N, C-alpha and C. Protein backbone atom coordinates (compact mmCIF):
# COMPACT_ATOMS: atom_id res chain seq x y z
N MET A 1 -35.92 -25.29 -23.49
CA MET A 1 -35.23 -25.77 -22.41
C MET A 1 -35.97 -25.05 -21.26
N TRP A 2 -36.08 -25.64 -20.08
CA TRP A 2 -36.79 -25.45 -18.99
C TRP A 2 -36.27 -24.38 -18.17
N SER A 3 -35.21 -24.18 -18.12
CA SER A 3 -34.28 -23.19 -17.41
C SER A 3 -34.40 -21.99 -18.11
N LYS A 4 -35.15 -21.64 -19.38
CA LYS A 4 -35.36 -20.54 -19.90
C LYS A 4 -36.73 -19.99 -19.57
N LEU A 5 -37.76 -20.87 -18.64
CA LEU A 5 -38.96 -20.54 -18.42
C LEU A 5 -38.72 -19.26 -17.20
N ASP A 6 -38.35 -18.24 -17.23
CA ASP A 6 -38.06 -17.36 -16.36
C ASP A 6 -39.39 -16.62 -16.34
N THR A 7 -40.46 -17.05 -15.70
CA THR A 7 -41.59 -16.52 -15.81
C THR A 7 -42.36 -16.51 -14.26
N TYR A 8 -41.58 -16.70 -13.26
CA TYR A 8 -42.09 -16.49 -11.97
C TYR A 8 -41.97 -15.32 -11.34
N LEU A 9 -43.23 -15.14 -10.85
CA LEU A 9 -43.40 -13.70 -10.43
C LEU A 9 -43.78 -13.73 -8.77
N PHE A 10 -43.07 -13.03 -8.04
CA PHE A 10 -43.26 -12.88 -6.54
C PHE A 10 -43.40 -11.66 -6.14
N PRO A 11 -44.78 -10.92 -5.96
CA PRO A 11 -44.92 -9.38 -5.72
C PRO A 11 -44.34 -9.16 -4.44
N LEU A 12 -43.79 -8.03 -4.41
CA LEU A 12 -43.37 -7.25 -3.09
C LEU A 12 -44.34 -6.14 -2.75
N GLY A 13 -45.14 -5.70 -3.90
CA GLY A 13 -45.86 -4.24 -3.82
C GLY A 13 -46.06 -3.95 -5.21
N PRO A 14 -46.67 -2.83 -5.21
CA PRO A 14 -47.21 -2.51 -6.73
C PRO A 14 -45.94 -2.00 -7.40
N GLY A 15 -45.87 -2.56 -8.40
CA GLY A 15 -44.51 -2.35 -9.30
C GLY A 15 -43.29 -3.04 -8.90
N THR A 16 -43.27 -3.97 -8.01
CA THR A 16 -41.99 -4.53 -7.50
C THR A 16 -42.40 -6.02 -7.41
N LYS A 17 -41.17 -6.84 -7.39
CA LYS A 17 -41.41 -8.30 -7.46
C LYS A 17 -39.72 -8.74 -6.90
N CYS A 18 -39.79 -10.07 -6.41
CA CYS A 18 -38.82 -10.48 -6.09
C CYS A 18 -37.75 -11.14 -7.24
N PRO A 19 -36.50 -10.75 -7.28
CA PRO A 19 -35.74 -11.26 -8.30
C PRO A 19 -35.84 -12.95 -8.45
N SER A 20 -36.05 -13.52 -9.68
CA SER A 20 -36.05 -14.84 -9.66
C SER A 20 -35.48 -15.33 -10.86
N GLY A 21 -35.13 -16.58 -10.86
CA GLY A 21 -34.30 -17.12 -12.18
C GLY A 21 -34.34 -18.95 -12.34
N THR A 22 -34.06 -19.28 -13.16
CA THR A 22 -34.01 -20.94 -13.45
C THR A 22 -32.86 -21.49 -13.83
N PHE A 23 -32.46 -22.59 -13.45
CA PHE A 23 -31.36 -23.44 -13.77
C PHE A 23 -31.52 -24.82 -14.34
N GLU A 24 -30.49 -25.09 -15.08
CA GLU A 24 -30.69 -26.73 -15.32
C GLU A 24 -29.00 -27.22 -15.55
N PHE A 25 -28.94 -28.41 -14.67
CA PHE A 25 -27.78 -28.98 -14.92
C PHE A 25 -27.93 -30.29 -15.34
N HIS A 26 -26.99 -30.85 -16.49
CA HIS A 26 -27.03 -31.85 -16.94
C HIS A 26 -25.83 -32.74 -16.52
N VAL A 27 -26.33 -33.84 -15.90
CA VAL A 27 -25.06 -34.77 -15.08
C VAL A 27 -24.21 -35.13 -16.12
N ARG A 28 -24.72 -35.99 -17.09
CA ARG A 28 -23.65 -36.47 -17.89
C ARG A 28 -22.61 -35.54 -18.75
N THR A 29 -23.16 -34.45 -19.08
CA THR A 29 -22.04 -33.47 -19.63
C THR A 29 -21.56 -32.51 -18.73
N ARG A 30 -22.22 -32.14 -17.52
CA ARG A 30 -21.88 -31.55 -16.60
C ARG A 30 -22.02 -30.13 -16.92
N LYS A 31 -22.84 -29.95 -18.03
CA LYS A 31 -23.22 -28.51 -18.49
C LYS A 31 -24.50 -27.91 -17.68
N MET A 32 -24.03 -26.63 -17.59
CA MET A 32 -25.05 -25.82 -16.65
C MET A 32 -25.63 -24.73 -17.61
N GLU A 33 -27.06 -24.36 -17.33
CA GLU A 33 -27.27 -23.17 -17.89
C GLU A 33 -28.32 -22.31 -16.99
N TRP A 34 -28.08 -21.41 -17.00
CA TRP A 34 -28.91 -20.14 -16.38
C TRP A 34 -29.84 -19.25 -17.25
N SER A 35 -30.88 -18.99 -16.57
CA SER A 35 -31.78 -18.01 -17.20
C SER A 35 -31.21 -16.55 -16.81
N GLU A 36 -31.74 -15.60 -17.39
CA GLU A 36 -31.16 -14.20 -17.22
C GLU A 36 -31.22 -13.88 -15.75
N GLY A 37 -32.30 -14.29 -15.01
CA GLY A 37 -32.67 -14.10 -13.74
C GLY A 37 -31.79 -14.59 -12.78
N MET A 38 -30.98 -15.69 -13.06
CA MET A 38 -30.08 -16.39 -12.35
C MET A 38 -28.74 -15.77 -12.21
N PHE A 39 -28.40 -15.06 -13.46
CA PHE A 39 -27.27 -14.21 -13.41
C PHE A 39 -27.36 -12.84 -12.72
N GLY A 40 -28.67 -12.34 -12.79
CA GLY A 40 -28.99 -11.04 -11.88
C GLY A 40 -28.80 -11.45 -10.38
N ILE A 41 -29.34 -12.61 -10.09
CA ILE A 41 -29.37 -12.89 -8.51
C ILE A 41 -27.88 -12.59 -8.01
N HIS A 42 -26.97 -13.37 -8.78
CA HIS A 42 -25.72 -13.53 -8.38
C HIS A 42 -24.72 -12.26 -8.77
N GLY A 43 -25.34 -11.04 -9.14
CA GLY A 43 -24.85 -9.70 -9.46
C GLY A 43 -23.92 -9.66 -10.62
N LEU A 44 -24.54 -10.60 -11.78
CA LEU A 44 -23.64 -10.81 -12.95
C LEU A 44 -24.56 -10.45 -14.01
N ARG A 45 -24.07 -10.02 -15.19
CA ARG A 45 -24.76 -9.83 -16.58
C ARG A 45 -24.87 -11.22 -17.38
N PRO A 46 -25.98 -11.36 -17.82
CA PRO A 46 -26.03 -12.46 -18.62
C PRO A 46 -24.87 -12.87 -19.68
N GLY A 47 -24.39 -13.96 -19.58
CA GLY A 47 -23.18 -14.28 -20.46
C GLY A 47 -21.74 -13.65 -20.16
N GLU A 48 -21.91 -12.92 -18.62
CA GLU A 48 -20.49 -12.40 -18.32
C GLU A 48 -19.57 -13.59 -17.68
N VAL A 49 -20.19 -14.73 -17.34
CA VAL A 49 -19.41 -15.93 -16.91
C VAL A 49 -20.15 -17.19 -17.63
N VAL A 50 -19.58 -18.33 -17.51
CA VAL A 50 -20.15 -19.45 -18.20
C VAL A 50 -20.42 -20.16 -16.86
N PRO A 51 -21.64 -20.33 -16.63
CA PRO A 51 -22.29 -20.85 -15.38
C PRO A 51 -21.70 -22.54 -15.33
N THR A 52 -21.21 -22.97 -14.18
CA THR A 52 -20.93 -23.98 -13.87
C THR A 52 -21.31 -24.67 -12.52
N LEU A 53 -21.57 -25.99 -12.33
CA LEU A 53 -21.76 -26.23 -10.98
C LEU A 53 -21.00 -25.91 -9.63
N ASP A 54 -19.49 -25.92 -10.17
CA ASP A 54 -18.54 -25.53 -9.18
C ASP A 54 -18.86 -23.84 -8.85
N LEU A 55 -19.04 -22.98 -9.69
CA LEU A 55 -19.49 -21.62 -9.65
C LEU A 55 -20.71 -21.59 -8.88
N PHE A 56 -21.63 -22.50 -9.15
CA PHE A 56 -23.07 -22.47 -8.67
C PHE A 56 -22.93 -22.61 -7.06
N MET A 57 -21.87 -23.48 -6.62
CA MET A 57 -21.82 -23.95 -5.26
C MET A 57 -20.83 -22.83 -4.59
N ALA A 58 -19.92 -22.28 -5.39
CA ALA A 58 -19.06 -21.41 -4.74
C ALA A 58 -19.64 -20.16 -4.17
N HIS A 59 -20.88 -19.83 -4.92
CA HIS A 59 -21.53 -18.54 -4.23
C HIS A 59 -22.26 -18.89 -3.01
N LYS A 60 -22.43 -20.21 -2.75
CA LYS A 60 -23.26 -20.49 -1.44
C LYS A 60 -22.66 -19.98 -0.19
N HIS A 61 -23.37 -19.60 0.69
CA HIS A 61 -22.78 -19.04 1.93
C HIS A 61 -21.97 -20.26 2.69
N PRO A 62 -20.72 -20.09 3.08
CA PRO A 62 -20.13 -21.17 3.78
C PRO A 62 -20.84 -21.99 4.78
N LEU A 63 -21.54 -21.53 5.63
CA LEU A 63 -22.32 -21.98 6.42
C LEU A 63 -23.57 -23.12 6.01
N ASP A 64 -24.00 -22.41 4.57
CA ASP A 64 -25.11 -23.07 4.18
C ASP A 64 -24.64 -24.14 2.99
N ARG A 65 -23.69 -24.04 2.71
CA ARG A 65 -23.03 -24.79 1.52
C ARG A 65 -23.18 -26.44 1.79
N GLY A 66 -23.00 -26.88 2.71
CA GLY A 66 -22.98 -28.32 2.95
C GLY A 66 -24.34 -28.86 3.05
N GLN A 67 -25.48 -28.00 3.65
CA GLN A 67 -26.79 -28.24 3.55
C GLN A 67 -27.12 -28.44 2.05
N VAL A 68 -26.77 -27.53 1.15
CA VAL A 68 -27.38 -27.62 -0.24
C VAL A 68 -26.76 -28.65 -0.92
N LEU A 69 -25.34 -28.79 -0.98
CA LEU A 69 -24.80 -30.19 -1.27
C LEU A 69 -25.25 -31.55 -0.96
N ALA A 70 -25.84 -31.48 0.26
CA ALA A 70 -26.50 -32.79 0.68
C ALA A 70 -27.90 -32.94 0.12
N VAL A 71 -28.63 -31.70 -0.24
CA VAL A 71 -29.74 -32.00 -1.00
C VAL A 71 -29.51 -32.38 -2.48
N TRP A 72 -28.59 -31.85 -3.07
CA TRP A 72 -28.18 -32.04 -4.39
C TRP A 72 -27.92 -33.47 -4.39
N ALA A 73 -26.86 -34.04 -3.50
CA ALA A 73 -26.68 -35.69 -3.60
C ALA A 73 -27.79 -36.45 -3.49
N GLU A 74 -28.76 -35.98 -2.57
CA GLU A 74 -29.83 -36.90 -2.35
C GLU A 74 -30.52 -37.08 -3.73
N LEU A 75 -30.85 -35.85 -4.20
CA LEU A 75 -31.68 -35.86 -5.40
C LEU A 75 -30.97 -36.87 -6.61
N LEU A 76 -29.49 -36.73 -6.51
CA LEU A 76 -29.11 -37.38 -7.62
C LEU A 76 -28.92 -38.95 -7.38
N LYS A 77 -29.19 -39.27 -6.16
CA LYS A 77 -29.42 -40.58 -5.68
C LYS A 77 -30.65 -41.26 -6.10
N ASP A 78 -31.43 -40.47 -5.60
CA ASP A 78 -33.16 -40.94 -5.34
C ASP A 78 -33.87 -40.49 -6.60
N GLY A 79 -33.34 -39.16 -7.14
CA GLY A 79 -34.50 -38.71 -7.97
C GLY A 79 -35.46 -37.68 -6.93
N GLY A 80 -36.59 -37.26 -7.44
CA GLY A 80 -37.71 -36.49 -6.96
C GLY A 80 -37.45 -34.92 -6.82
N GLN A 81 -37.87 -34.55 -5.78
CA GLN A 81 -37.97 -32.95 -5.85
C GLN A 81 -37.40 -32.49 -4.18
N GLY A 82 -37.00 -31.22 -4.12
CA GLY A 82 -36.72 -30.75 -2.91
C GLY A 82 -36.61 -29.19 -2.90
N ALA A 83 -36.61 -28.59 -1.70
CA ALA A 83 -36.65 -27.31 -1.57
C ALA A 83 -35.73 -26.88 -0.35
N LEU A 84 -35.35 -25.57 -0.35
CA LEU A 84 -34.69 -25.12 0.80
C LEU A 84 -34.47 -23.62 0.63
N LEU A 85 -34.44 -23.00 1.88
CA LEU A 85 -34.04 -21.32 1.97
C LEU A 85 -32.58 -21.57 2.72
N HIS A 86 -31.90 -20.71 1.92
CA HIS A 86 -30.47 -20.43 2.25
C HIS A 86 -29.87 -19.15 1.93
N ARG A 87 -28.63 -19.12 1.87
CA ARG A 87 -27.93 -17.85 1.60
C ARG A 87 -26.76 -18.00 0.54
N ILE A 88 -26.57 -16.86 -0.19
CA ILE A 88 -25.70 -16.80 -1.30
C ILE A 88 -24.80 -15.63 -1.05
N ASN A 89 -23.63 -15.66 -1.46
CA ASN A 89 -22.89 -14.25 -1.75
C ASN A 89 -22.66 -14.02 -2.98
N ASP A 90 -23.33 -12.89 -3.36
CA ASP A 90 -23.23 -12.32 -4.95
C ASP A 90 -21.86 -11.95 -5.36
N ILE A 91 -21.59 -11.76 -6.62
CA ILE A 91 -20.24 -11.23 -6.93
C ILE A 91 -19.38 -10.22 -6.19
N ARG A 92 -20.18 -9.43 -5.86
CA ARG A 92 -19.90 -8.32 -4.68
C ARG A 92 -19.57 -8.55 -3.48
N GLY A 93 -19.81 -9.75 -2.92
CA GLY A 93 -19.77 -10.45 -1.70
C GLY A 93 -21.04 -9.85 -0.75
N ARG A 94 -22.36 -9.61 -1.42
CA ARG A 94 -23.31 -9.04 -0.69
C ARG A 94 -24.17 -10.36 -0.49
N GLU A 95 -24.51 -10.64 0.90
CA GLU A 95 -25.37 -11.60 1.32
C GLU A 95 -26.65 -11.51 0.90
N ARG A 96 -27.22 -12.57 0.01
CA ARG A 96 -28.56 -12.79 -0.23
C ARG A 96 -29.26 -13.97 0.24
N ARG A 97 -30.45 -13.80 0.73
CA ARG A 97 -31.44 -14.90 1.28
C ARG A 97 -31.98 -15.40 -0.15
N VAL A 98 -32.02 -16.77 -0.22
CA VAL A 98 -32.75 -17.17 -1.51
C VAL A 98 -33.32 -18.38 -1.22
N PHE A 99 -34.76 -18.49 -1.97
CA PHE A 99 -35.30 -20.05 -1.67
C PHE A 99 -35.31 -20.44 -3.16
N SER A 100 -34.58 -21.90 -3.10
CA SER A 100 -34.57 -22.58 -4.10
C SER A 100 -35.64 -23.89 -4.22
N ALA A 101 -36.17 -24.22 -5.07
CA ALA A 101 -36.83 -25.41 -5.64
C ALA A 101 -36.08 -26.23 -6.51
N LEU A 102 -36.15 -27.57 -6.37
CA LEU A 102 -35.20 -28.46 -7.17
C LEU A 102 -35.98 -29.66 -7.70
N GLN A 103 -35.53 -30.22 -8.95
CA GLN A 103 -36.21 -31.39 -9.31
C GLN A 103 -35.17 -32.04 -9.93
N ALA A 104 -35.28 -33.55 -9.80
CA ALA A 104 -34.24 -34.27 -10.45
C ALA A 104 -34.76 -35.23 -11.52
N VAL A 105 -34.48 -35.24 -12.75
CA VAL A 105 -35.19 -35.77 -13.59
C VAL A 105 -34.48 -37.09 -14.15
N THR A 106 -35.14 -38.20 -14.17
CA THR A 106 -34.38 -39.40 -14.68
C THR A 106 -34.49 -39.81 -16.09
N GLY A 107 -33.71 -40.32 -16.80
CA GLY A 107 -33.73 -40.70 -18.25
C GLY A 107 -34.03 -41.97 -18.39
N PRO A 108 -33.89 -42.49 -19.66
CA PRO A 108 -34.34 -43.80 -19.74
C PRO A 108 -33.76 -44.97 -19.07
N THR A 109 -32.72 -44.97 -18.80
CA THR A 109 -31.94 -45.75 -17.95
C THR A 109 -32.36 -45.92 -16.28
N GLY A 110 -33.12 -44.92 -16.07
CA GLY A 110 -33.57 -44.86 -14.58
C GLY A 110 -32.58 -44.03 -13.56
N GLN A 111 -31.54 -43.62 -14.75
CA GLN A 111 -30.72 -42.91 -13.51
C GLN A 111 -30.67 -41.33 -13.77
N VAL A 112 -30.51 -40.41 -12.74
CA VAL A 112 -30.77 -38.96 -12.91
C VAL A 112 -29.84 -38.51 -13.81
N ASP A 113 -30.45 -37.91 -14.88
CA ASP A 113 -29.85 -37.32 -15.83
C ASP A 113 -29.71 -35.71 -15.87
N THR A 114 -30.73 -34.83 -15.28
CA THR A 114 -30.80 -33.55 -15.30
C THR A 114 -31.46 -33.11 -13.97
N ARG A 115 -30.70 -32.08 -13.55
CA ARG A 115 -31.28 -31.46 -12.22
C ARG A 115 -31.43 -29.98 -12.49
N ARG A 116 -32.89 -29.69 -12.31
CA ARG A 116 -33.16 -28.20 -12.84
C ARG A 116 -34.01 -27.47 -11.56
N GLY A 117 -34.27 -26.40 -11.42
CA GLY A 117 -34.86 -25.67 -10.67
C GLY A 117 -35.10 -24.34 -10.68
N PHE A 118 -35.75 -23.52 -9.75
CA PHE A 118 -35.71 -22.41 -9.66
C PHE A 118 -35.37 -21.33 -8.40
N MET A 119 -34.85 -20.30 -8.43
CA MET A 119 -34.52 -19.68 -7.16
C MET A 119 -35.08 -18.23 -7.18
N VAL A 120 -35.68 -17.83 -5.97
CA VAL A 120 -36.10 -16.53 -5.75
C VAL A 120 -35.14 -15.97 -4.92
N ASP A 121 -34.73 -14.54 -5.12
CA ASP A 121 -34.01 -13.74 -4.01
C ASP A 121 -35.25 -13.10 -3.12
N VAL A 122 -35.41 -13.76 -1.85
CA VAL A 122 -36.25 -13.23 -0.98
C VAL A 122 -35.76 -12.12 -0.04
N THR A 123 -34.47 -11.63 -0.23
CA THR A 123 -33.92 -10.85 0.68
C THR A 123 -34.51 -9.53 0.75
N GLN A 124 -35.03 -8.77 -0.19
CA GLN A 124 -35.91 -7.67 0.08
C GLN A 124 -37.23 -7.99 0.55
N SER A 125 -37.76 -9.00 0.42
CA SER A 125 -39.09 -9.53 1.06
C SER A 125 -38.80 -9.72 2.56
N LEU A 126 -38.04 -10.27 3.12
CA LEU A 126 -37.69 -10.37 4.45
C LEU A 126 -37.29 -9.13 5.37
N ARG A 127 -36.65 -8.39 4.43
CA ARG A 127 -36.31 -6.95 4.82
C ARG A 127 -37.56 -6.18 5.37
N ILE A 128 -38.66 -6.13 4.29
CA ILE A 128 -39.86 -5.31 4.32
C ILE A 128 -40.61 -5.87 5.46
N GLU A 129 -40.25 -7.45 5.38
CA GLU A 129 -41.43 -8.11 6.81
C GLU A 129 -40.74 -7.64 8.01
N SER A 130 -39.53 -7.65 8.26
CA SER A 130 -38.96 -7.33 9.17
C SER A 130 -39.07 -5.87 9.53
N ARG A 131 -39.14 -4.88 8.73
CA ARG A 131 -39.29 -3.63 8.92
C ARG A 131 -40.79 -3.31 9.62
N ASP A 132 -41.62 -4.04 8.68
CA ASP A 132 -42.89 -3.79 9.07
C ASP A 132 -43.31 -4.30 10.46
N ALA A 133 -42.67 -5.39 10.69
CA ALA A 133 -42.83 -5.93 12.27
C ALA A 133 -42.18 -5.07 13.45
N THR A 134 -41.25 -4.33 12.94
CA THR A 134 -40.59 -3.33 13.73
C THR A 134 -41.41 -2.16 14.10
N SER A 135 -41.88 -1.59 13.02
CA SER A 135 -42.91 -0.64 12.93
C SER A 135 -43.94 -0.99 13.86
N GLU A 136 -44.62 -2.31 13.53
CA GLU A 136 -45.74 -2.57 14.50
C GLU A 136 -45.60 -2.73 15.83
N ALA A 137 -44.34 -2.99 16.30
CA ALA A 137 -43.80 -3.26 17.75
C ALA A 137 -43.85 -1.73 18.16
N ILE A 138 -43.22 -0.69 17.61
CA ILE A 138 -43.09 0.53 17.96
C ILE A 138 -44.46 1.38 18.22
N GLU A 139 -45.27 0.94 17.30
CA GLU A 139 -46.64 1.61 17.33
C GLU A 139 -47.47 1.01 18.34
N ARG A 140 -47.28 -0.14 18.86
CA ARG A 140 -47.86 -0.68 20.01
C ARG A 140 -47.32 -0.16 21.24
N VAL A 141 -46.10 0.11 21.17
CA VAL A 141 -45.46 0.77 22.54
C VAL A 141 -45.85 2.19 22.71
N TYR A 142 -46.16 2.83 21.43
CA TYR A 142 -46.61 4.21 21.66
C TYR A 142 -48.10 4.21 21.90
N ALA A 143 -48.76 3.11 21.45
CA ALA A 143 -50.22 3.28 21.83
C ALA A 143 -50.53 3.14 23.13
N HIS A 144 -49.57 2.55 23.95
CA HIS A 144 -49.94 2.39 25.48
C HIS A 144 -49.09 3.07 26.30
N ARG A 145 -48.27 4.21 25.65
CA ARG A 145 -47.33 5.13 26.29
C ARG A 145 -48.29 6.10 27.44
N ASP A 146 -49.23 6.46 26.99
CA ASP A 146 -50.31 7.39 27.67
C ASP A 146 -50.64 6.69 28.79
N LEU A 147 -51.02 5.58 28.50
CA LEU A 147 -52.06 4.84 29.67
C LEU A 147 -50.90 4.51 30.77
N ILE A 148 -49.69 4.11 30.38
CA ILE A 148 -48.55 3.87 31.38
C ILE A 148 -48.21 5.10 32.21
N GLU A 149 -47.92 6.07 31.52
CA GLU A 149 -47.83 7.40 31.90
C GLU A 149 -48.85 7.86 33.00
N GLN A 150 -50.18 7.56 32.73
CA GLN A 150 -51.13 7.91 33.77
C GLN A 150 -51.08 6.94 35.05
N ALA A 151 -50.88 5.65 34.66
CA ALA A 151 -50.59 4.63 35.91
C ALA A 151 -49.36 5.25 36.67
N LYS A 152 -48.24 5.72 35.93
CA LYS A 152 -47.06 6.12 36.86
C LYS A 152 -47.46 7.15 37.64
N GLY A 153 -48.20 8.21 37.13
CA GLY A 153 -48.82 9.44 37.89
C GLY A 153 -49.45 9.17 39.18
N ILE A 154 -50.56 7.87 38.92
CA ILE A 154 -51.12 7.46 40.30
C ILE A 154 -50.12 7.04 41.37
N VAL A 155 -49.18 6.00 40.65
CA VAL A 155 -48.28 5.63 41.60
C VAL A 155 -47.36 6.69 42.48
N MET A 156 -47.03 7.64 41.66
CA MET A 156 -46.18 8.75 42.25
C MET A 156 -46.95 9.50 43.20
N ALA A 157 -48.40 9.80 42.87
CA ALA A 157 -49.06 10.33 43.89
C ALA A 157 -49.39 9.81 45.13
N LEU A 158 -49.62 8.50 45.00
CA LEU A 158 -49.92 7.53 46.06
C LEU A 158 -48.99 7.27 46.96
N ARG A 159 -47.67 6.99 46.13
CA ARG A 159 -46.49 6.48 47.04
C ARG A 159 -45.56 7.45 47.29
N GLY A 160 -45.71 8.70 46.73
CA GLY A 160 -44.53 9.64 46.88
C GLY A 160 -43.17 9.50 46.38
N VAL A 161 -43.24 8.97 45.15
CA VAL A 161 -42.01 8.58 44.54
C VAL A 161 -41.97 9.24 43.08
N ASP A 162 -40.63 9.33 42.66
CA ASP A 162 -40.53 9.64 41.36
C ASP A 162 -40.97 8.90 40.04
N GLY A 163 -40.78 9.33 38.96
CA GLY A 163 -41.28 8.77 37.86
C GLY A 163 -40.59 7.54 37.56
N PRO A 164 -39.17 7.47 37.63
CA PRO A 164 -38.71 5.99 37.33
C PRO A 164 -38.83 5.06 38.54
N ALA A 165 -39.07 5.48 39.99
CA ALA A 165 -39.45 4.60 40.90
C ALA A 165 -40.93 4.15 40.71
N ALA A 166 -41.83 4.87 40.20
CA ALA A 166 -43.17 4.55 39.77
C ALA A 166 -43.20 3.54 38.67
N PHE A 167 -42.37 3.72 37.66
CA PHE A 167 -42.26 2.74 36.34
C PHE A 167 -41.54 1.51 37.02
N ASP A 168 -40.82 1.24 38.01
CA ASP A 168 -40.58 -0.14 38.67
C ASP A 168 -41.43 -0.56 39.32
N VAL A 169 -42.28 0.01 40.04
CA VAL A 169 -43.39 -0.59 40.78
C VAL A 169 -44.08 -1.21 39.71
N LEU A 170 -44.44 -0.37 38.61
CA LEU A 170 -45.43 -0.98 37.68
C LEU A 170 -44.65 -2.35 36.82
N ALA A 171 -43.40 -2.17 36.75
CA ALA A 171 -42.83 -3.08 35.85
C ALA A 171 -42.74 -4.43 36.75
N ALA A 172 -42.35 -4.37 38.18
CA ALA A 172 -42.17 -5.42 38.98
C ALA A 172 -43.55 -6.02 39.18
N ALA A 173 -44.65 -5.55 39.17
CA ALA A 173 -45.87 -6.14 39.34
C ALA A 173 -46.28 -6.76 37.81
N SER A 174 -45.97 -6.27 36.91
CA SER A 174 -45.94 -7.12 35.48
C SER A 174 -45.52 -8.32 35.69
N GLN A 175 -44.16 -8.15 36.11
CA GLN A 175 -43.22 -9.42 35.89
C GLN A 175 -43.73 -10.62 36.97
N GLN A 176 -44.17 -10.20 38.04
CA GLN A 176 -44.69 -11.04 39.21
C GLN A 176 -45.97 -11.77 38.56
N ARG A 177 -46.85 -10.98 38.01
CA ARG A 177 -48.06 -11.54 37.68
C ARG A 177 -48.16 -12.09 36.38
N ASN A 178 -46.97 -11.94 35.34
CA ASN A 178 -46.68 -12.23 34.12
C ASN A 178 -47.87 -11.95 33.12
N VAL A 179 -48.12 -10.61 33.30
CA VAL A 179 -48.95 -10.08 32.26
C VAL A 179 -48.19 -8.69 31.95
N LYS A 180 -48.67 -8.24 30.67
CA LYS A 180 -48.01 -7.06 30.06
C LYS A 180 -48.09 -5.61 30.91
N LEU A 181 -47.06 -5.13 30.66
CA LEU A 181 -47.18 -3.58 31.58
C LEU A 181 -48.33 -2.84 31.39
N HIS A 182 -48.80 -2.75 29.99
CA HIS A 182 -50.12 -1.93 29.62
C HIS A 182 -51.27 -2.56 30.62
N ALA A 183 -51.28 -3.98 30.63
CA ALA A 183 -52.46 -4.24 31.41
C ALA A 183 -52.41 -4.11 32.74
N VAL A 184 -51.44 -3.96 33.50
CA VAL A 184 -51.41 -3.58 34.80
C VAL A 184 -51.85 -2.12 34.84
N ALA A 185 -51.02 -1.21 33.89
CA ALA A 185 -51.23 -0.06 33.95
C ALA A 185 -52.89 0.31 33.79
N ASP A 186 -53.57 -0.30 32.94
CA ASP A 186 -55.00 -0.22 32.67
C ASP A 186 -55.85 -0.55 33.66
N GLU A 187 -55.57 -1.59 34.56
CA GLU A 187 -56.15 -2.00 35.54
C GLU A 187 -56.15 -0.87 36.80
N LEU A 188 -55.09 -0.39 36.92
CA LEU A 188 -54.87 0.75 37.81
C LEU A 188 -55.57 2.00 37.55
N VAL A 189 -55.50 2.43 36.22
CA VAL A 189 -56.18 3.61 35.87
C VAL A 189 -57.72 3.29 35.70
N ALA A 190 -58.10 1.99 35.56
CA ALA A 190 -59.57 1.89 35.75
C ALA A 190 -59.98 2.15 37.08
N ALA A 191 -59.01 1.43 38.01
CA ALA A 191 -59.57 1.46 39.70
C ALA A 191 -59.73 2.83 40.15
N ALA A 192 -58.77 3.84 39.51
CA ALA A 192 -58.79 5.29 39.91
C ALA A 192 -59.90 5.83 39.22
N ALA A 193 -60.39 5.37 38.33
CA ALA A 193 -61.62 6.24 37.81
C ALA A 193 -62.69 5.64 38.58
N HIS A 194 -62.86 4.89 39.42
CA HIS A 194 -63.77 4.59 40.39
C HIS A 194 -63.58 4.83 41.65
N GLY A 195 -62.49 5.46 41.94
CA GLY A 195 -62.11 5.93 43.27
C GLY A 195 -61.29 4.83 44.17
N GLY A 196 -60.84 3.86 43.59
CA GLY A 196 -60.35 2.56 44.13
C GLY A 196 -58.58 2.47 43.83
N ALA A 197 -58.17 3.52 43.48
CA ALA A 197 -56.72 3.23 43.11
C ALA A 197 -55.97 2.88 44.35
N ALA A 198 -56.14 3.63 45.66
CA ALA A 198 -55.33 3.33 46.67
C ALA A 198 -55.43 1.77 46.94
N GLU A 199 -56.85 1.19 47.28
CA GLU A 199 -56.93 -0.10 47.44
C GLU A 199 -56.31 -0.91 46.51
N HIS A 200 -56.48 -0.72 45.04
CA HIS A 200 -56.01 -1.66 43.88
C HIS A 200 -54.66 -1.74 44.06
N LEU A 201 -53.76 -0.56 44.13
CA LEU A 201 -52.48 -0.35 44.58
C LEU A 201 -51.86 -1.32 45.64
N ALA A 202 -52.64 -1.24 46.62
CA ALA A 202 -52.09 -1.88 47.86
C ALA A 202 -52.30 -3.54 47.50
N ALA A 203 -53.40 -3.67 46.79
CA ALA A 203 -53.60 -5.26 46.64
C ALA A 203 -52.27 -5.67 45.67
N LEU A 204 -52.16 -4.98 44.76
CA LEU A 204 -51.05 -5.21 43.34
C LEU A 204 -49.69 -5.03 44.13
N PHE A 205 -49.58 -4.35 44.80
CA PHE A 205 -47.91 -3.91 45.08
C PHE A 205 -47.91 -4.05 46.50
N SER A 206 -48.29 -4.92 47.44
CA SER A 206 -48.35 -4.86 48.86
C SER A 206 -46.87 -5.23 49.29
N SER A 207 -45.99 -6.18 48.18
CA SER A 207 -44.73 -6.26 48.62
C SER A 207 -43.88 -5.08 48.27
N HIS A 208 -44.13 -3.96 47.80
CA HIS A 208 -43.20 -2.91 47.45
C HIS A 208 -43.46 -1.83 48.52
């Protein structure tokens, strides 16, 4: 049985992988079969419940259920393959993000008699990706912090303003010129290194 081929591996890193499972639904008998991985994704132990299509759909997130049903109905009508990223709620009510690939198989009569597919829990993968993106953003901010502080010091010395006011000047120039704040700071620091900070400041911030 195809749904027992629970061999999909989706690595997250050394020694880890995304949970995955396979399923098969027989249209005529309405019998559904889950691999061990499918039970796990839904927070269940193998054999703890009898898998049915109603149970399968009941675990779909309410906001995604309509989309999933539409894909299943389309495959039942025309056959073929489909895939979608959606959310489920496991037995404990925890929201999981999953990717499903589906295939509708036609029988001798030309009618779809089996729908099967596999599901991958990508919750942890997306969480890691989000965490990494956040870390990169923080690193970028800190990488430019010293440069921005230097530029603030130049503005404070030339304009006789405090730190917050100097930052406001730099931020306003960044917004008006539609360039990154650190780029504005870099230009000012470079100008100061060549003794032209006052002129550069006057040209950039003449409206302040």
